[in-house]
Amino acid sequence: MVNPASAPKTEEQEPAAGRRGEEPASDVALVTAASGLSRARGKQVRGGAPAGEPVKRNRRRTRSHLDSPWYRIMEYILLVIGSLLIALSFNLFFYPNQLASGGVSGISIIIDTLFGIEPALTQWAFNIPLFFAGLWLIGRNFGIKTAIGSVLLPLLVLLTRGMPSLTENILLASVYGGILLGIGIGLVYRGRGSTGGFSVAAQILHKYTGIGFGLCVALLDGLVILTAGVFISPEKAMYALIGLFVTSKTINVVQIGLSYSKVAFIISDSVEEIREAILHELDRGLTKLQATGGYTGEERTVLMVVVGQTEVTRLKELVRSVDRKAFVILSDTNEVLGEGFKLAGPS
């Protein structure tokens, strides 16, 4: 890594009025204009510190906020709770019904069916070597939480081993097992953790083959389900595929939530009137975007506004009351952070 203080400075990196033969400035604000947009960039030089030091301090403050004790404690709590739910989904639904719905847990079900080996032992046998392989091959992307998850999940599977199955209906087991598994994985992800296993293998495969990470996970899970179809039952493999689908959808719900908002792009000749109506009657903020007509080549202003589901009808009525010829594009948005919507905070 190059030390900023010793790296050769480009023209942008040099402090204003700090080139050779000139006096360095202590506090200088540079305003540059590009493509009709202005931005202010403050650069300071204090005691020989490189330009841009205030930005680095802000970045350090952000890191310390995210790595505060409260955040760290919450992340580990989510890791433990999520791992417990994953273990319960395994012992209450998947294992009793021989549903190998991907991952190391699916492999452990196949091996238990063939050789009668305790699933938790199989999971440890895969998780621990995969973790060290990831640590060796990818290093910096692995941390203490991945190590904890790789050991903790099989332990919880072993501790909850004797719990009775909640259903013998394979369809119900695949659906509700998928929901419980998805909630558990979603909580682990919200805690910025991992339970190891095939997620580590997928990262290694992604790094050395260039295949997308999501596709790597799908390929590995698909291989497990295909193997289960050969050695357990084709019918149960198809049910396991249903469980995998339900799991993926549940993970999205846990990470993003069920509340959907709408983002609207409005093109009209009465931009200011519509803007006033949205600001004062709908009580929503908005953004002006500069655009160019593809056919006419004329410069136009596009209004962008984000509203809740219950405000969509009111927005359309306001726009229609001002300009019946206005062009309105409505699109779903899964998550909106900021004033008037969801406030960013600990997961």
Protein backbone atom coordinates (compact mmCIF):
# COMPACT_ATOMS: atom_id res chain seq x y z
CA MET A 1 0.00 0.00 0.00
CA VAL A 2 1.33 3.41 -0.96
CA ASN A 3 1.64 6.01 1.79
CA PRO A 4 -0.37 9.09 0.71
CA ALA A 5 2.21 11.40 2.24
CA SER A 6 5.04 9.91 0.20
CA ALA A 7 3.17 9.10 -3.02
CA PRO A 8 3.86 11.36 -6.03
CA LYS A 9 1.13 13.98 -6.20
CA THR A 10 -0.94 14.48 -9.30
CA GLU A 11 -2.26 17.90 -10.21
CA GLU A 12 -5.51 17.13 -8.39
CA GLN A 13 -3.72 16.00 -5.26
CA GLU A 14 -1.58 19.13 -4.95
CA PRO A 15 -2.90 21.74 -2.54
CA ALA A 16 -4.22 24.87 -4.23
CA ALA A 17 -1.57 27.59 -4.39
CA GLY A 18 0.86 24.93 -3.21
CA ARG A 19 2.75 24.25 -6.44
CA ARG A 20 6.42 24.98 -6.71
CA GLY A 21 7.34 28.61 -6.26
CA GLU A 22 4.05 29.45 -4.56
CA GLU A 23 2.97 29.80 -0.93
CA PRO A 24 0.88 26.85 0.35
CA ALA A 25 -2.62 27.77 1.47
CA SER A 26 -3.96 26.69 4.85
CA ASP A 27 -7.70 26.50 4.13
CA VAL A 28 -8.73 26.62 0.49
CA ALA A 29 -12.05 25.74 -1.13
CA LEU A 30 -11.99 24.89 -4.81
CA VAL A 31 -15.15 25.04 -6.83
CA THR A 32 -15.11 23.28 -10.18
CA ALA A 33 -17.85 23.13 -12.81
CA ALA A 34 -18.41 20.11 -15.05
CA SER A 35 -21.43 19.30 -17.26
CA GLY A 36 -23.46 22.07 -15.64
CA LEU A 37 -22.97 20.64 -12.14
CA SER A 38 -20.90 22.44 -9.48
CA ARG A 39 -19.12 20.80 -6.62
CA ALA A 40 -17.05 22.17 -3.80
CA ARG A 41 -13.96 20.38 -2.67
CA GLY A 42 -12.19 21.55 0.47
CA LYS A 43 -8.52 20.78 0.78
CA GLN A 44 -6.40 21.52 3.81
CA VAL A 45 -2.74 21.21 4.58
CA ARG A 46 -1.83 21.18 8.25
CA GLY A 47 1.64 20.38 9.45
CA GLY A 48 2.55 18.72 6.14
CA ALA A 49 -0.52 16.42 6.11
CA PRO A 50 -1.65 15.39 2.61
CA ALA A 51 -4.58 17.15 0.96
CA GLY A 52 -7.92 15.55 1.65
CA GLU A 53 -7.19 14.76 5.32
CA PRO A 54 -10.68 15.88 6.52
CA VAL A 55 -12.24 13.24 4.26
CA LYS A 56 -10.09 10.53 5.83
CA ARG A 57 -11.07 11.61 9.32
CA ASN A 58 -14.76 11.40 8.38
CA ARG A 59 -14.16 7.92 7.01
CA ARG A 60 -12.53 6.86 10.26
CA ARG A 61 -15.49 8.23 12.21
CA THR A 62 -17.85 6.15 10.08
CA ARG A 63 -15.84 3.02 10.73
CA SER A 64 -15.76 3.59 14.47
CA HIS A 65 -19.54 4.11 14.47
CA LEU A 66 -20.19 0.81 12.68
CA ASP A 67 -17.64 -1.00 14.82
CA SER A 68 -18.90 0.37 18.12
CA PRO A 69 -19.47 -2.15 20.95
CA TRP A 70 -23.25 -1.96 20.48
CA TYR A 71 -22.99 -2.87 16.79
CA ARG A 72 -20.53 -5.68 17.49
CA ILE A 73 -22.73 -7.15 20.25
CA MET A 74 -25.81 -6.99 18.01
CA GLU A 75 -23.96 -8.69 15.16
CA TYR A 76 -22.92 -11.61 17.37
CA ILE A 77 -26.43 -11.88 18.84
CA LEU A 78 -27.88 -12.08 15.31
CA LEU A 79 -25.27 -14.69 14.39
CA VAL A 80 -26.24 -16.89 17.35
CA ILE A 81 -30.01 -16.50 16.89
CA GLY A 82 -29.75 -17.06 13.14
CA SER A 83 -27.62 -20.17 13.62
CA LEU A 84 -30.13 -21.54 16.13
CA LEU A 85 -33.02 -21.05 13.68
CA ILE A 86 -31.02 -22.76 10.92
CA ALA A 87 -30.36 -25.71 13.25
CA LEU A 88 -34.06 -25.90 14.18
CA SER A 89 -35.12 -25.86 10.52
CA PHE A 90 -32.74 -28.76 9.93
CA ASN A 91 -33.91 -30.94 12.84
CA LEU A 92 -37.62 -30.04 12.77
CA PHE A 93 -38.24 -30.20 9.01
CA PHE A 94 -35.43 -31.16 6.65
CA TYR A 95 -33.59 -34.01 8.38
CA PRO A 96 -36.63 -36.07 9.50
CA ASN A 97 -38.07 -35.91 5.96
CA GLN A 98 -34.72 -36.43 4.17
CA LEU A 99 -34.92 -33.11 2.31
CA ALA A 100 -31.38 -32.27 1.20
CA SER A 101 -32.05 -28.71 0.05
CA GLY A 102 -28.47 -27.77 -0.79
CA GLY A 103 -25.44 -26.74 1.21
CA VAL A 104 -23.33 -28.69 3.65
CA SER A 105 -26.49 -29.57 5.61
CA GLY A 106 -27.85 -31.26 2.50
CA ILE A 107 -24.63 -33.25 2.11
CA SER A 108 -24.87 -34.33 5.76
CA ILE A 109 -28.39 -35.69 5.13
CA ILE A 110 -27.17 -37.67 2.10
CA ILE A 111 -24.19 -39.11 4.02
CA ASP A 112 -26.41 -39.97 7.00
CA THR A 113 -28.80 -41.80 4.68
CA LEU A 114 -25.97 -43.78 3.04
CA PHE A 115 -23.62 -44.43 5.95
CA GLY A 116 -25.50 -43.46 9.14
CA ILE A 117 -22.94 -40.81 10.16
CA GLU A 118 -24.17 -38.09 12.55
CA PRO A 119 -25.03 -34.97 10.44
CA ALA A 120 -23.28 -32.57 12.85
CA LEU A 121 -20.01 -34.49 12.45
CA THR A 122 -20.28 -34.32 8.67
CA GLN A 123 -20.95 -30.59 8.84
CA TRP A 124 -17.88 -30.02 11.00
CA ALA A 125 -15.85 -32.20 8.64
CA PHE A 126 -16.79 -29.89 5.74
CA ASN A 127 -17.03 -26.49 7.47
CA ILE A 128 -13.67 -26.45 9.24
CA PRO A 129 -11.49 -27.42 6.22
CA LEU A 130 -13.48 -25.05 3.98
CA PHE A 131 -12.89 -22.22 6.44
CA PHE A 132 -9.13 -22.77 6.47
CA ALA A 133 -9.12 -23.14 2.68
CA GLY A 134 -10.92 -19.80 2.42
CA LEU A 135 -8.55 -18.25 4.93
CA TRP A 136 -5.60 -19.40 2.85
CA LEU A 137 -7.00 -18.60 -0.61
CA ILE A 138 -9.07 -15.46 0.07
CA GLY A 139 -7.64 -14.38 3.45
CA ARG A 140 -8.88 -10.85 4.00
CA ASN A 141 -12.57 -11.70 3.44
CA PHE A 142 -12.67 -14.08 6.37
CA GLY A 143 -12.97 -13.13 9.99
CA ILE A 144 -13.82 -14.33 13.45
CA LYS A 145 -17.57 -14.47 12.76
CA THR A 146 -17.10 -16.94 9.90
CA ALA A 147 -14.98 -19.13 12.18
CA ILE A 148 -17.60 -18.97 14.93
CA GLY A 149 -20.44 -19.72 12.50
CA SER A 150 -18.58 -22.70 11.01
CA VAL A 151 -18.26 -24.30 14.45
CA LEU A 152 -21.43 -23.01 16.12
CA LEU A 153 -23.99 -24.21 13.57
CA PRO A 154 -23.05 -27.93 13.70
CA LEU A 155 -22.91 -27.67 17.50
CA LEU A 156 -26.47 -26.32 17.60
CA VAL A 157 -27.57 -29.03 15.16
CA LEU A 158 -26.14 -31.60 17.57
CA LEU A 159 -27.76 -29.99 20.65
CA THR A 160 -31.22 -29.84 19.04
CA ARG A 161 -30.89 -33.32 17.52
CA GLY A 162 -33.53 -34.99 19.69
CA MET A 163 -36.40 -32.58 18.94
CA PRO A 164 -39.43 -34.27 17.34
CA SER A 165 -40.39 -33.49 13.76
CA LEU A 166 -43.29 -31.06 13.41
CA THR A 167 -44.72 -32.71 10.29
CA GLU A 168 -44.41 -35.81 8.15
CA ASN A 169 -45.93 -34.03 5.16
CA ILE A 170 -43.01 -33.44 2.79
CA LEU A 171 -44.57 -30.40 1.13
CA LEU A 172 -45.22 -28.70 4.47
CA ALA A 173 -41.71 -29.59 5.61
CA SER A 174 -40.14 -28.05 2.49
CA VAL A 175 -42.20 -24.84 2.74
CA TYR A 176 -41.98 -24.20 6.49
CA GLY A 177 -38.45 -25.52 6.71
CA GLY A 178 -37.52 -23.12 3.92
CA ILE A 179 -39.15 -20.22 5.75
CA LEU A 180 -37.38 -20.96 9.03
CA LEU A 181 -34.06 -21.52 7.25
CA GLY A 182 -34.45 -18.26 5.32
CA ILE A 183 -35.15 -16.30 8.50
CA GLY A 184 -32.05 -17.79 10.12
CA ILE A 185 -29.76 -17.07 7.17
CA GLY A 186 -31.24 -13.58 6.79
CA LEU A 187 -30.47 -12.77 10.44
CA VAL A 188 -26.92 -14.05 10.05
CA TYR A 189 -26.47 -11.84 6.97
CA ARG A 190 -27.90 -8.83 8.80
CA GLY A 191 -25.24 -9.40 11.44
CA ARG A 192 -22.62 -9.36 8.66
CA GLY A 193 -21.79 -12.97 9.54
CA SER A 194 -21.57 -16.34 7.86
CA THR A 195 -22.11 -19.95 8.86
CA GLY A 196 -19.34 -21.09 6.53
CA GLY A 197 -19.94 -24.16 4.42
CA PHE A 198 -20.84 -23.69 0.77
CA SER A 199 -20.82 -19.89 1.03
CA VAL A 200 -17.04 -20.20 1.52
CA ALA A 201 -16.73 -22.72 -1.31
CA ALA A 202 -18.75 -20.39 -3.57
CA GLN A 203 -16.43 -17.47 -2.79
CA ILE A 204 -13.38 -19.59 -3.69
CA LEU A 205 -15.04 -20.78 -6.89
CA HIS A 206 -16.04 -17.21 -7.76
CA LYS A 207 -12.52 -15.89 -7.26
CA TYR A 208 -10.76 -18.51 -9.36
CA THR A 209 -13.31 -19.05 -12.14
CA GLY A 210 -14.86 -15.60 -12.57
CA ILE A 211 -18.37 -17.08 -12.33
CA GLY A 212 -20.81 -14.85 -10.45
CA PHE A 213 -21.08 -15.58 -6.73
CA GLY A 214 -24.86 -16.14 -6.86
CA LEU A 215 -24.44 -18.56 -9.75
CA CYS A 216 -21.70 -20.44 -7.84
CA VAL A 217 -24.05 -20.90 -4.87
CA ALA A 218 -26.85 -22.07 -7.18
CA LEU A 219 -24.55 -24.56 -8.93
CA LEU A 220 -23.30 -26.06 -5.66
CA ASP A 221 -26.80 -26.30 -4.18
CA GLY A 222 -28.11 -27.77 -7.43
CA LEU A 223 -25.37 -30.39 -7.38
CA VAL A 224 -26.37 -31.42 -3.84
CA ILE A 225 -30.06 -31.67 -4.79
CA LEU A 226 -29.17 -33.68 -7.90
CA THR A 227 -27.08 -36.05 -5.76
CA ALA A 228 -30.00 -36.40 -3.34
CA GLY A 229 -32.24 -37.30 -6.28
CA VAL A 230 -29.87 -40.15 -7.16
CA PHE A 231 -29.17 -41.54 -3.68
CA ILE A 232 -32.34 -40.68 -1.73
CA SER A 233 -35.36 -40.09 -3.97
CA PRO A 234 -36.10 -38.01 -7.10
CA GLU A 235 -39.42 -36.95 -5.57
CA LYS A 236 -37.79 -35.73 -2.37
CA ALA A 237 -35.18 -33.89 -4.43
CA MET A 238 -37.99 -31.97 -6.15
CA TYR A 239 -39.47 -31.06 -2.78
CA ALA A 240 -36.01 -29.96 -1.64
CA LEU A 241 -35.89 -27.62 -4.63
CA ILE A 242 -39.15 -26.04 -3.41
CA GLY A 243 -37.56 -25.55 0.01
CA LEU A 244 -34.53 -23.88 -1.60
CA PHE A 245 -36.79 -21.47 -3.52
CA VAL A 246 -38.76 -20.57 -0.38
CA THR A 247 -35.49 -20.02 1.51
CA SER A 248 -34.16 -17.55 -1.07
CA LYS A 249 -37.38 -15.52 -1.02
CA THR A 250 -37.48 -15.46 2.79
CA ILE A 251 -33.86 -14.23 2.96
CA ASN A 252 -34.86 -11.26 0.78
CA VAL A 253 -37.82 -10.47 3.05
CA VAL A 254 -35.64 -10.54 6.18
CA GLN A 255 -32.96 -8.34 4.64
CA ILE A 256 -35.18 -5.87 2.80
CA GLY A 257 -38.57 -6.11 4.52
CA LEU A 258 -42.13 -6.39 3.29
CA SER A 259 -42.81 -2.67 2.85
CA TYR A 260 -42.43 -1.56 -0.74
CA SER A 261 -42.28 2.02 -1.93
CA LYS A 262 -42.70 3.50 -5.38
CA VAL A 263 -40.35 5.80 -7.23
CA ALA A 264 -42.01 8.06 -9.81
CA PHE A 265 -40.39 9.89 -12.72
CA ILE A 266 -42.55 12.72 -14.04
CA ILE A 267 -42.03 14.46 -17.38
CA SER A 268 -44.25 17.48 -18.01
CA ASP A 269 -44.37 20.99 -19.45
CA SER A 270 -45.74 22.15 -16.07
CA VAL A 271 -42.82 21.07 -13.91
CA GLU A 272 -43.00 23.92 -11.41
CA GLU A 273 -46.73 23.54 -10.79
CA ILE A 274 -46.35 19.80 -10.23
CA ARG A 275 -43.37 20.41 -7.98
CA GLU A 276 -45.40 22.82 -5.82
CA ALA A 277 -48.29 20.34 -5.61
CA ILE A 278 -46.01 17.49 -4.49
CA LEU A 279 -44.16 19.61 -1.95
CA HIS A 280 -47.16 21.27 -0.33
CA GLU A 281 -50.13 18.95 -0.91
CA LEU A 282 -48.44 15.54 -0.83
CA ASP A 283 -45.77 16.76 1.62
CA ARG A 284 -42.98 14.81 -0.09
CA GLY A 285 -39.54 15.90 -1.15
CA LEU A 286 -38.39 15.44 -4.71
CA THR A 287 -35.39 15.75 -6.98
CA LYS A 288 -34.99 17.57 -10.29
CA LEU A 289 -33.11 15.66 -12.96
CA GLN A 290 -31.88 17.22 -16.19
CA ALA A 291 -32.63 15.12 -19.27
CA THR A 292 -32.60 15.44 -23.05
CA GLY A 293 -35.48 14.32 -25.25
CA GLY A 294 -34.46 11.42 -27.47
CA TYR A 295 -36.63 12.59 -30.37
CA THR A 296 -36.66 16.39 -30.05
CA GLY A 297 -33.20 16.81 -28.53
CA GLU A 298 -34.63 19.42 -26.17
CA GLU A 299 -33.43 19.86 -22.59
CA ARG A 300 -36.13 18.89 -20.10
CA THR A 301 -36.55 18.61 -16.36
CA VAL A 302 -37.64 15.28 -14.91
CA LEU A 303 -39.05 15.13 -11.39
CA MET A 304 -38.17 12.12 -9.27
CA VAL A 305 -40.21 11.44 -6.13
CA VAL A 306 -40.44 8.42 -3.81
CA VAL A 307 -43.80 7.71 -2.19
CA GLY A 308 -45.37 4.97 -0.08
CA GLN A 309 -47.85 2.49 -1.52
CA THR A 310 -50.80 4.39 -0.04
CA GLU A 311 -49.68 7.67 -1.66
CA VAL A 312 -49.49 6.43 -5.25
CA THR A 313 -53.13 7.21 -6.11
CA ARG A 314 -52.89 10.68 -4.56
CA LEU A 315 -49.70 11.39 -6.54
CA LYS A 316 -51.32 10.40 -9.83
CA GLU A 317 -54.36 12.55 -9.07
CA LEU A 318 -52.16 15.58 -8.30
CA VAL A 319 -50.18 15.20 -11.51
CA ARG A 320 -53.33 14.68 -13.56
CA SER A 321 -54.97 17.76 -12.04
CA VAL A 322 -52.04 19.93 -13.16
CA ASP A 323 -51.17 18.34 -16.52
CA ARG A 324 -53.29 15.59 -18.03
CA LYS A 325 -50.61 14.98 -20.68
CA ALA A 326 -47.80 14.46 -18.16
CA PHE A 327 -45.69 11.33 -18.67
CA VAL A 328 -45.40 9.36 -15.40
CA ILE A 329 -43.23 6.29 -14.84
CA LEU A 330 -43.82 4.30 -11.65
CA SER A 331 -41.43 1.63 -10.45
CA ASP A 332 -41.11 -0.54 -7.35
CA THR A 333 -38.30 0.12 -4.92
CA ASN A 334 -37.57 -2.42 -2.20
CA GLU A 335 -35.94 -0.22 0.41
CA VAL A 336 -35.71 3.52 1.02
CA LEU A 337 -33.55 4.98 3.78
CA GLY A 338 -33.97 8.55 4.91
CA GLU A 339 -36.34 11.06 6.43
CA GLY A 340 -39.98 10.11 5.90
CA PHE A 341 -39.11 6.45 5.30
CA LYS A 342 -36.83 4.04 7.15
CA LEU A 343 -34.07 5.50 9.31
CA ALA A 344 -30.69 3.81 9.00
CA GLY A 345 -29.64 2.13 12.21
CA PRO A 346 -28.36 -1.09 13.67
CA SER A 347 -29.61 -4.22 11.96
